[in-house]
Amino acid sequence: MSKFLFKVADVFQITRGLVVQADRLYDDLDKDYGAGGRLKLTRPDGSTVETDSWIERFVPSNFGRPACVLVEKTLSKTDVPVGTEIWLV
C-alpha cells in the first residue's frame, strides 16, 4: 500500500539526477521514508511513474528547510511537473 509523502513545489535538473523540492520541511516528512526508497509519482494529469530516490534526511543543517529528494537520472524536469504527488511504495 502506498503512503502519501508530499507534493512537488519545484524541480531542478543536476548532473546526478533530478532534485525534487517538497511542499514541506525536512522536519515534517514521514519518518517511514528514511534515507530513500521506491517512490510513485502521480502527475497532475493522473499518469504515474515509479522511481528510486535518495534523501539526505538526517543532516542537521537541513532541518527547518524545504525537503529535497534526488530521483533517478532517467527522469527530466518535464517528467515531474510542479503539483506531482509523491508516494512511498
PDB file of N, CA and C in Angstrom:
ATOM      1  N   MET A   1       0.847  -1.185   0.000  1.00  0.00           N
ATOM      2  CA  MET A   1       0.000   0.000   0.000  1.00  0.00           C
ATOM      3  C   MET A   1       0.888   1.243   0.000  1.00  0.00           C
ATOM      4  N   SER A   2       0.573   2.196  -0.839  1.00  0.00           N
ATOM      5  CA  SER A   2       1.341   3.433  -0.954  1.00  0.00           C
ATOM      6  C   SER A   2       0.972   4.400   0.170  1.00  0.00           C
ATOM      7  N   LYS A   3       1.955   5.249   0.541  1.00  0.00           N
ATOM      8  CA  LYS A   3       1.755   6.235   1.596  1.00  0.00           C
ATOM      9  C   LYS A   3       2.143   7.607   1.058  1.00  0.00           C
ATOM     10  N   PHE A   4       1.220   8.569   1.121  1.00  0.00           N
ATOM     11  CA  PHE A   4       1.486   9.912   0.604  1.00  0.00           C
ATOM     12  C   PHE A   4       2.599  10.574   1.401  1.00  0.00           C
ATOM     13  N   LEU A   5       3.574  11.198   0.678  1.00  0.00           N
ATOM     14  CA  LEU A   5       4.671  11.907   1.336  1.00  0.00           C
ATOM     15  C   LEU A   5       4.560  13.419   1.188  1.00  0.00           C
ATOM     16  N   PHE A   6       4.425  13.907  -0.065  1.00  0.00           N
ATOM     17  CA  PHE A   6       4.371  15.345  -0.294  1.00  0.00           C
ATOM     18  C   PHE A   6       4.005  15.634  -1.742  1.00  0.00           C
ATOM     19  N   LYS A   7       3.771  16.922  -2.028  1.00  0.00           N
ATOM     20  CA  LYS A   7       3.589  17.401  -3.402  1.00  0.00           C
ATOM     21  C   LYS A   7       4.851  18.149  -3.816  1.00  0.00           C
ATOM     22  N   VAL A   8       5.131  18.110  -5.114  1.00  0.00           N
ATOM     23  CA  VAL A   8       6.311  18.776  -5.667  1.00  0.00           C
ATOM     24  C   VAL A   8       6.056  20.285  -5.730  1.00  0.00           C
ATOM     25  N   ALA A   9       6.994  21.057  -5.130  1.00  0.00           N
ATOM     26  CA  ALA A   9       6.918  22.517  -5.163  1.00  0.00           C
ATOM     27  C   ALA A   9       7.828  23.108  -6.242  1.00  0.00           C
ATOM     28  N   ASP A  10       8.937  22.392  -6.546  1.00  0.00           N
ATOM     29  CA  ASP A  10       9.883  22.864  -7.559  1.00  0.00           C
ATOM     30  C   ASP A  10      10.749  21.684  -7.979  1.00  0.00           C
ATOM     31  N   VAL A  11      11.418  21.813  -9.132  1.00  0.00           N
ATOM     32  CA  VAL A  11      12.256  20.741  -9.680  1.00  0.00           C
ATOM     33  C   VAL A  11      13.522  21.362 -10.269  1.00  0.00           C
ATOM     34  N   PHE A  12      14.673  20.699 -10.031  1.00  0.00           N
ATOM     35  CA  PHE A  12      15.961  21.167 -10.538  1.00  0.00           C
ATOM     36  C   PHE A  12      16.698  20.007 -11.180  1.00  0.00           C
ATOM     37  N   GLN A  13      17.209  20.191 -12.372  1.00  0.00           N
ATOM     38  CA  GLN A  13      17.999  19.163 -13.056  1.00  0.00           C
ATOM     39  C   GLN A  13      19.465  19.374 -12.700  1.00  0.00           C
ATOM     40  N   ILE A  14      20.142  18.326 -12.198  1.00  0.00           N
ATOM     41  CA  ILE A  14      21.576  18.375 -11.919  1.00  0.00           C
ATOM     42  C   ILE A  14      22.228  17.172 -12.587  1.00  0.00           C
ATOM     43  N   THR A  15      23.536  17.108 -12.567  1.00  0.00           N
ATOM     44  CA  THR A  15      24.263  16.033 -13.242  1.00  0.00           C
ATOM     45  C   THR A  15      23.881  14.654 -12.713  1.00  0.00           C
ATOM     46  N   ARG A  16      23.713  14.525 -11.403  1.00  0.00           N
ATOM     47  CA  ARG A  16      23.428  13.222 -10.784  1.00  0.00           C
ATOM     48  C   ARG A  16      21.979  12.783 -10.923  1.00  0.00           C
ATOM     49  N   GLY A  17      21.101  13.663 -11.357  1.00  0.00           N
ATOM     50  CA  GLY A  17      19.697  13.297 -11.481  1.00  0.00           C
ATOM     51  C   GLY A  17      18.805  14.508 -11.354  1.00  0.00           C
ATOM     52  N   LEU A  18      17.617  14.279 -10.859  1.00  0.00           N
ATOM     53  CA  LEU A  18      16.611  15.321 -10.733  1.00  0.00           C
ATOM     54  C   LEU A  18      16.364  15.586  -9.257  1.00  0.00           C
ATOM     55  N   VAL A  19      16.456  16.839  -8.837  1.00  0.00           N
ATOM     56  CA  VAL A  19      16.174  17.213  -7.457  1.00  0.00           C
ATOM     57  C   VAL A  19      14.736  17.715  -7.399  1.00  0.00           C
ATOM     58  N   VAL A  20      13.940  17.076  -6.552  1.00  0.00           N
ATOM     59  CA  VAL A  20      12.539  17.428  -6.379  1.00  0.00           C
ATOM     60  C   VAL A  20      12.395  18.096  -5.016  1.00  0.00           C
ATOM     61  N   GLN A  21      11.903  19.337  -5.017  1.00  0.00           N
ATOM     62  CA  GLN A  21      11.692  20.054  -3.757  1.00  0.00           C
ATOM     63  C   GLN A  21      10.264  19.821  -3.286  1.00  0.00           C
ATOM     64  N   ALA A  22      10.125  19.441  -2.029  1.00  0.00           N
ATOM     65  CA  ALA A  22       8.815  19.153  -1.435  1.00  0.00           C
ATOM     66  C   ALA A  22       8.101  20.433  -1.019  1.00  0.00           C
ATOM     67  N   ASP A  23       6.799  20.295  -0.808  1.00  0.00           N
ATOM     68  CA  ASP A  23       5.991  21.413  -0.315  1.00  0.00           C
ATOM     69  C   ASP A  23       5.983  21.446   1.215  1.00  0.00           C
ATOM     70  N   ARG A  24       6.933  20.755   1.831  1.00  0.00           N
ATOM     71  CA  ARG A  24       7.040  20.738   3.295  1.00  0.00           C
ATOM     72  C   ARG A  24       8.502  20.667   3.717  1.00  0.00           C
ATOM     73  N   LEU A  25       8.748  20.856   4.997  1.00  0.00           N
ATOM     74  CA  LEU A  25      10.105  20.858   5.534  1.00  0.00           C
ATOM     75  C   LEU A  25      10.608  19.445   5.780  1.00  0.00           C
ATOM     76  N   TYR A  26      11.935  19.295   5.869  1.00  0.00           N
ATOM     77  CA  TYR A  26      12.527  18.001   6.223  1.00  0.00           C
ATOM     78  C   TYR A  26      11.911  17.481   7.514  1.00  0.00           C
ATOM     79  N   ASP A  27      11.738  18.386   8.479  1.00  0.00           N
ATOM     80  CA  ASP A  27      11.212  18.014   9.787  1.00  0.00           C
ATOM     81  C   ASP A  27       9.830  17.371   9.693  1.00  0.00           C
ATOM     82  N   ASP A  28       9.064  17.731   8.663  1.00  0.00           N
ATOM     83  CA  ASP A  28       7.675  17.292   8.540  1.00  0.00           C
ATOM     84  C   ASP A  28       7.491  16.061   7.659  1.00  0.00           C
ATOM     85  N   LEU A  29       8.575  15.535   7.079  1.00  0.00           N
ATOM     86  CA  LEU A  29       8.440  14.345   6.233  1.00  0.00           C
ATOM     87  C   LEU A  29       8.120  13.127   7.093  1.00  0.00           C
ATOM     88  N   ASP A  30       7.362  12.212   6.528  1.00  0.00           N
ATOM     89  CA  ASP A  30       7.011  10.978   7.215  1.00  0.00           C
ATOM     90  C   ASP A  30       8.276  10.215   7.598  1.00  0.00           C
ATOM     91  N   LYS A  31       8.362   9.781   8.824  1.00  0.00           N
ATOM     92  CA  LYS A  31       9.560   9.093   9.328  1.00  0.00           C
ATOM     93  C   LYS A  31       9.770   7.736   8.653  1.00  0.00           C
ATOM     94  N   ASP A  32       8.749   7.158   8.022  1.00  0.00           N
ATOM     95  CA  ASP A  32       8.894   5.877   7.308  1.00  0.00           C
ATOM     96  C   ASP A  32       9.753   6.020   6.058  1.00  0.00           C
ATOM     97  N   TYR A  33       9.923   7.245   5.579  1.00  0.00           N
ATOM     98  CA  TYR A  33      10.681   7.454   4.347  1.00  0.00           C
ATOM     99  C   TYR A  33      12.159   7.168   4.540  1.00  0.00           C
ATOM    100  N   GLY A  34      12.707   7.433   5.695  1.00  0.00           N
ATOM    101  CA  GLY A  34      14.111   7.127   5.964  1.00  0.00           C
ATOM    102  C   GLY A  34      15.052   7.867   5.036  1.00  0.00           C
ATOM    103  N   ALA A  35      16.051   7.161   4.518  1.00  0.00           N
ATOM    104  CA  ALA A  35      17.074   7.792   3.681  1.00  0.00           C
ATOM    105  C   ALA A  35      16.768   7.678   2.202  1.00  0.00           C
ATOM    106  N   GLY A  36      15.656   7.121   1.849  1.00  0.00           N
ATOM    107  CA  GLY A  36      15.296   6.990   0.441  1.00  0.00           C
ATOM    108  C   GLY A  36      14.454   5.746   0.231  1.00  0.00           C
ATOM    109  N   GLY A  37      14.172   5.464  -1.018  1.00  0.00           N
ATOM    110  CA  GLY A  37      13.365   4.294  -1.312  1.00  0.00           C
ATOM    111  C   GLY A  37      12.664   4.429  -2.643  1.00  0.00           C
ATOM    112  N   ARG A  38      11.762   3.514  -2.881  1.00  0.00           N
ATOM    113  CA  ARG A  38      10.995   3.487  -4.123  1.00  0.00           C
ATOM    114  C   ARG A  38       9.801   4.415  -3.985  1.00  0.00           C
ATOM    115  N   LEU A  39       9.627   5.300  -4.966  1.00  0.00           N
ATOM    116  CA  LEU A  39       8.535   6.266  -4.950  1.00  0.00           C
ATOM    117  C   LEU A  39       7.638   6.101  -6.162  1.00  0.00           C
ATOM    118  N   LYS A  40       6.354   6.411  -5.964  1.00  0.00           N
ATOM    119  CA  LYS A  40       5.415   6.517  -7.084  1.00  0.00           C
ATOM    120  C   LYS A  40       5.089   7.993  -7.232  1.00  0.00           C
ATOM    121  N   LEU A  41       5.230   8.506  -8.442  1.00  0.00           N
ATOM    122  CA  LEU A  41       4.942   9.898  -8.746  1.00  0.00           C
ATOM    123  C   LEU A  41       3.626   9.946  -9.510  1.00  0.00           C
ATOM    124  N   THR A  42       2.637  10.636  -8.956  1.00  0.00           N
ATOM    125  CA  THR A  42       1.349  10.814  -9.618  1.00  0.00           C
ATOM    126  C   THR A  42       1.259  12.250 -10.096  1.00  0.00           C
ATOM    127  N   ARG A  43       1.346  12.397 -11.407  1.00  0.00           N
ATOM    128  CA  ARG A  43       1.352  13.733 -12.028  1.00  0.00           C
ATOM    129  C   ARG A  43      -0.047  14.352 -11.997  1.00  0.00           C
ATOM    130  N   PRO A  44      -0.109  15.676 -12.146  1.00  0.00           N
ATOM    131  CA  PRO A  44      -1.414  16.351 -12.151  1.00  0.00           C
ATOM    132  C   PRO A  44      -2.387  15.806 -13.208  1.00  0.00           C
ATOM    133  N   ASP A  45      -1.865  15.249 -14.312  1.00  0.00           N
ATOM    134  CA  ASP A  45      -2.748  14.697 -15.349  1.00  0.00           C
ATOM    135  C   ASP A  45      -3.216  13.275 -15.012  1.00  0.00           C
ATOM    136  N   GLY A  46      -2.787  12.730 -13.856  1.00  0.00           N
ATOM    137  CA  GLY A  46      -3.209  11.403 -13.417  1.00  0.00           C
ATOM    138  C   GLY A  46      -2.265  10.278 -13.812  1.00  0.00           C
ATOM    139  N   SER A  47      -1.313  10.525 -14.695  1.00  0.00           N
ATOM    140  CA  SER A  47      -0.354   9.486 -15.074  1.00  0.00           C
ATOM    141  C   SER A  47       0.638   9.260 -13.935  1.00  0.00           C
ATOM    142  N   THR A  48       1.229   8.057 -13.901  1.00  0.00           N
ATOM    143  CA  THR A  48       2.153   7.715 -12.827  1.00  0.00           C
ATOM    144  C   THR A  48       3.448   7.126 -13.368  1.00  0.00           C
ATOM    145  N   VAL A  49       4.491   7.209 -12.546  1.00  0.00           N
ATOM    146  CA  VAL A  49       5.776   6.593 -12.836  1.00  0.00           C
ATOM    147  C   VAL A  49       6.396   6.240 -11.489  1.00  0.00           C
ATOM    148  N   GLU A  50       7.156   5.145 -11.443  1.00  0.00           N
ATOM    149  CA  GLU A  50       7.875   4.781 -10.236  1.00  0.00           C
ATOM    150  C   GLU A  50       9.360   5.014 -10.446  1.00  0.00           C
ATOM    151  N   THR A  51      10.060   5.379  -9.362  1.00  0.00           N
ATOM    152  CA  THR A  51      11.478   5.689  -9.432  1.00  0.00           C
ATOM    153  C   THR A  51      12.139   5.422  -8.088  1.00  0.00           C
ATOM    154  N   ASP A  52      13.449   5.247  -8.105  1.00  0.00           N
ATOM    155  CA  ASP A  52      14.217   5.164  -6.867  1.00  0.00           C
ATOM    156  C   ASP A  52      14.599   6.575  -6.455  1.00  0.00           C
ATOM    157  N   SER A  53      14.825   6.765  -5.151  1.00  0.00           N
ATOM    158  CA  SER A  53      15.152   8.104  -4.657  1.00  0.00           C
ATOM    159  C   SER A  53      16.160   8.039  -3.525  1.00  0.00           C
ATOM    160  N   TRP A  54      16.771   9.196  -3.261  1.00  0.00           N
ATOM    161  CA  TRP A  54      17.745   9.338  -2.183  1.00  0.00           C
ATOM    162  C   TRP A  54      17.485  10.667  -1.502  1.00  0.00           C
ATOM    163  N   ILE A  55      17.687  10.701  -0.197  1.00  0.00           N
ATOM    164  CA  ILE A  55      17.491  11.941   0.555  1.00  0.00           C
ATOM    165  C   ILE A  55      18.540  12.029   1.658  1.00  0.00           C
ATOM    166  N   GLU A  56      19.063  13.211   1.867  1.00  0.00           N
ATOM    167  CA  GLU A  56      19.989  13.439   2.972  1.00  0.00           C
ATOM    168  C   GLU A  56      19.170  13.940   4.145  1.00  0.00           C
ATOM    169  N   ARG A  57      18.436  13.042   4.720  1.00  0.00           N
ATOM    170  CA  ARG A  57      17.436  13.390   5.718  1.00  0.00           C
ATOM    171  C   ARG A  57      18.010  13.806   7.066  1.00  0.00           C
ATOM    172  N   PHE A  58      19.027  13.128   7.492  1.00  0.00           N
ATOM    173  CA  PHE A  58      19.470  13.308   8.871  1.00  0.00           C
ATOM    174  C   PHE A  58      20.658  14.255   9.006  1.00  0.00           C
ATOM    175  N   VAL A  59      20.838  15.125   8.037  1.00  0.00           N
ATOM    176  CA  VAL A  59      21.865  16.159   8.118  1.00  0.00           C
ATOM    177  C   VAL A  59      21.262  17.310   8.923  1.00  0.00           C
ATOM    178  N   PRO A  60      21.814  17.623  10.108  1.00  0.00           N
ATOM    179  CA  PRO A  60      21.201  18.639  10.974  1.00  0.00           C
ATOM    180  C   PRO A  60      20.957  19.981  10.294  1.00  0.00           C
ATOM    181  N   SER A  61      21.818  20.378   9.362  1.00  0.00           N
ATOM    182  CA  SER A  61      21.636  21.674   8.704  1.00  0.00           C
ATOM    183  C   SER A  61      20.399  21.712   7.811  1.00  0.00           C
ATOM    184  N   ASN A  62      19.809  20.551   7.499  1.00  0.00           N
ATOM    185  CA  ASN A  62      18.615  20.512   6.655  1.00  0.00           C
ATOM    186  C   ASN A  62      17.334  20.836   7.419  1.00  0.00           C
ATOM    187  N   PHE A  63      17.321  20.652   8.729  1.00  0.00           N
ATOM    188  CA  PHE A  63      16.100  20.880   9.492  1.00  0.00           C
ATOM    189  C   PHE A  63      15.688  22.347   9.418  1.00  0.00           C
ATOM    190  N   GLY A  64      14.396  22.569   9.232  1.00  0.00           N
ATOM    191  CA  GLY A  64      13.875  23.914   9.067  1.00  0.00           C
ATOM    192  C   GLY A  64      13.910  24.410   7.634  1.00  0.00           C
ATOM    193  N   ARG A  65      14.369  23.555   6.703  1.00  0.00           N
ATOM    194  CA  ARG A  65      14.455  23.917   5.287  1.00  0.00           C
ATOM    195  C   ARG A  65      13.510  23.016   4.479  1.00  0.00           C
ATOM    196  N   PRO A  66      13.089  23.477   3.297  1.00  0.00           N
ATOM    197  CA  PRO A  66      12.255  22.614   2.451  1.00  0.00           C
ATOM    198  C   PRO A  66      12.999  21.318   2.113  1.00  0.00           C
ATOM    199  N   ALA A  67      12.282  20.207   2.155  1.00  0.00           N
ATOM    200  CA  ALA A  67      12.868  18.905   1.845  1.00  0.00           C
ATOM    201  C   ALA A  67      13.149  18.806   0.353  1.00  0.00           C
ATOM    202  N   CYS A  68      14.283  18.194   0.007  1.00  0.00           N
ATOM    203  CA  CYS A  68      14.644  17.937  -1.378  1.00  0.00           C
ATOM    204  C   CYS A  68      15.027  16.470  -1.514  1.00  0.00           C
ATOM    205  N   VAL A  69      14.593  15.859  -2.610  1.00  0.00           N
ATOM    206  CA  VAL A  69      14.824  14.445  -2.872  1.00  0.00           C
ATOM    207  C   VAL A  69      15.485  14.314  -4.236  1.00  0.00           C
ATOM    208  N   LEU A  70      16.488  13.461  -4.339  1.00  0.00           N
ATOM    209  CA  LEU A  70      17.142  13.185  -5.613  1.00  0.00           C
ATOM    210  C   LEU A  70      16.514  11.930  -6.201  1.00  0.00           C
ATOM    211  N   VAL A  71      16.044  12.012  -7.450  1.00  0.00           N
ATOM    212  CA  VAL A  71      15.475  10.848  -8.130  1.00  0.00           C
ATOM    213  C   VAL A  71      16.355  10.476  -9.322  1.00  0.00           C
ATOM    214  N   GLU A  72      16.076   9.325  -9.917  1.00  0.00           N
ATOM    215  CA  GLU A  72      16.900   8.760 -10.987  1.00  0.00           C
ATOM    216  C   GLU A  72      17.176   9.729 -12.137  1.00  0.00           C
ATOM    217  N   LYS A  73      18.343   9.538 -12.751  1.00  0.00           N
ATOM    218  CA  LYS A  73      18.754  10.350 -13.898  1.00  0.00           C
ATOM    219  C   LYS A  73      17.841  10.171 -15.106  1.00  0.00           C
ATOM    220  N   THR A  74      17.096   9.086 -15.153  1.00  0.00           N
ATOM    221  CA  THR A  74      16.247   8.819 -16.312  1.00  0.00           C
ATOM    222  C   THR A  74      15.061   9.777 -16.406  1.00  0.00           C
ATOM    223  N   LEU A  75      14.754  10.497 -15.322  1.00  0.00           N
ATOM    224  CA  LEU A  75      13.649  11.449 -15.333  1.00  0.00           C
ATOM    225  C   LEU A  75      14.167  12.856 -15.609  1.00  0.00           C
ATOM    226  N   SER A  76      13.346  13.652 -16.290  1.00  0.00           N
ATOM    227  CA  SER A  76      13.703  15.049 -16.560  1.00  0.00           C
ATOM    228  C   SER A  76      12.677  15.963 -15.884  1.00  0.00           C
ATOM    229  N   LYS A  77      12.937  17.265 -15.928  1.00  0.00           N
ATOM    230  CA  LYS A  77      12.023  18.235 -15.326  1.00  0.00           C
ATOM    231  C   LYS A  77      10.610  18.120 -15.887  1.00  0.00           C
ATOM    232  N   THR A  78      10.494  17.826 -17.164  1.00  0.00           N
ATOM    233  CA  THR A  78       9.162  17.720 -17.771  1.00  0.00           C
ATOM    234  C   THR A  78       8.424  16.465 -17.309  1.00  0.00           C
ATOM    235  N   ASP A  79       9.160  15.466 -16.791  1.00  0.00           N
ATOM    236  CA  ASP A  79       8.535  14.239 -16.284  1.00  0.00           C
ATOM    237  C   ASP A  79       7.905  14.433 -14.912  1.00  0.00           C
ATOM    238  N   VAL A  80       8.334  15.483 -14.190  1.00  0.00           N
ATOM    239  CA  VAL A  80       7.876  15.689 -12.813  1.00  0.00           C
ATOM    240  C   VAL A  80       7.436  17.152 -12.648  1.00  0.00           C
ATOM    241  N   PRO A  81       6.249  17.496 -13.139  1.00  0.00           N
ATOM    242  CA  PRO A  81       5.804  18.886 -13.026  1.00  0.00           C
ATOM    243  C   PRO A  81       5.449  19.262 -11.586  1.00  0.00           C
ATOM    244  N   VAL A  82       5.498  20.558 -11.303  1.00  0.00           N
ATOM    245  CA  VAL A  82       5.051  21.066 -10.005  1.00  0.00           C
ATOM    246  C   VAL A  82       3.615  20.580  -9.778  1.00  0.00           C
ATOM    247  N   GLY A  83       3.322  20.156  -8.550  1.00  0.00           N
ATOM    248  CA  GLY A  83       2.000  19.632  -8.217  1.00  0.00           C
ATOM    249  C   GLY A  83       1.933  18.122  -8.245  1.00  0.00           C
ATOM    250  N   THR A  84       2.985  17.455  -8.752  1.00  0.00           N
ATOM    251  CA  THR A  84       3.036  15.992  -8.748  1.00  0.00           C
ATOM    252  C   THR A  84       3.009  15.485  -7.310  1.00  0.00           C
ATOM    253  N   GLU A  85       2.206  14.459  -7.046  1.00  0.00           N
ATOM    254  CA  GLU A  85       2.154  13.850  -5.715  1.00  0.00           C
ATOM    255  C   GLU A  85       3.213  12.770  -5.624  1.00  0.00           C
ATOM    256  N   ILE A  86       3.933  12.736  -4.497  1.00  0.00           N
ATOM    257  CA  ILE A  86       4.981  11.750  -4.265  1.00  0.00           C
ATOM    258  C   ILE A  86       4.493  10.777  -3.195  1.00  0.00           C
ATOM    259  N   TRP A  87       4.506   9.487  -3.550  1.00  0.00           N
ATOM    260  CA  TRP A  87       4.027   8.421  -2.667  1.00  0.00           C
ATOM    261  C   TRP A  87       5.146   7.421  -2.413  1.00  0.00           C
ATOM    262  N   LEU A  88       5.267   6.944  -1.178  1.00  0.00           N
ATOM    263  CA  LEU A  88       6.204   5.893  -0.821  1.00  0.00           C
ATOM    264  C   LEU A  88       5.548   4.551  -1.121  1.00  0.00           C
ATOM    265  N   VAL A  89       6.236   3.692  -1.891  1.00  0.00           N
ATOM    266  CA  VAL A  89       5.669   2.365  -2.225  1.00  0.00           C
ATOM    267  C   VAL A  89       6.454   1.249  -1.564  1.00  0.00           C
TER     268      VAL A  89
END
